[in-house]
Amino acid sequence: MFLGMSDPWVAAAYIANIAVTLVCVVYGICFYNSGDDSEVEK
């Protein structure tokens, strides 16, 4: 039983959600302000 969840699919979804959130945070930190937004696209 993981964190009180007896269903392994619920536990897997919970872990996957945390993993994706961490990937997004790390990606955001690594590529923050890396683009050039000074020009307006037409």
Protein backbone atom coordinates (compact mmCIF):
# COMPACT_ATOMS: atom_id res chain seq x y z
CA MET A 1 0.00 0.00 0.00
CA PHE A 2 1.47 3.35 -1.12
CA LEU A 3 0.37 6.43 0.87
CA GLY A 4 -2.77 4.63 1.90
CA MET A 5 -3.78 3.76 -1.66
CA SER A 6 -4.52 0.09 -2.14
CA ASP A 7 -5.04 0.26 -5.93
CA PRO A 8 -1.69 0.11 -7.78
CA TRP A 9 -3.11 2.06 -10.77
CA VAL A 10 -4.07 4.96 -8.52
CA ALA A 11 -0.60 4.92 -6.97
CA ALA A 12 1.01 4.80 -10.44
CA ALA A 13 -1.10 7.76 -11.61
CA TYR A 14 -0.15 9.69 -8.48
CA ILE A 15 3.57 9.04 -9.02
CA ALA A 16 3.28 9.90 -12.73
CA ASN A 17 1.57 13.18 -11.87
CA ILE A 18 4.37 14.15 -9.49
CA ALA A 19 7.04 13.11 -12.04
CA VAL A 20 5.48 15.17 -14.84
CA THR A 21 5.19 18.18 -12.53
CA LEU A 22 8.88 17.91 -11.63
CA VAL A 23 9.85 17.60 -15.31
CA CYS A 24 7.86 20.76 -16.13
CA VAL A 25 9.44 22.70 -13.26
CA VAL A 26 12.97 21.66 -14.25
CA TYR A 27 12.26 22.49 -17.92
CA GLY A 28 10.90 25.89 -16.91
CA ILE A 29 13.95 26.64 -14.78
CA CYS A 30 16.37 25.58 -17.51
CA PHE A 31 14.72 27.49 -20.34
CA TYR A 32 13.37 30.54 -18.48
CA ASN A 33 13.89 33.70 -20.55
CA SER A 34 15.77 31.86 -23.28
CA GLY A 35 13.66 33.19 -26.16
CA ASP A 36 13.87 36.55 -27.86
CA ASP A 37 10.51 38.26 -27.47
CA SER A 38 11.68 41.73 -28.47
CA GLU A 39 10.27 41.57 -32.00
CA VAL A 40 6.56 41.47 -32.78
CA GLU A 41 5.52 38.69 -35.15
CA LYS A 42 3.13 39.62 -37.93
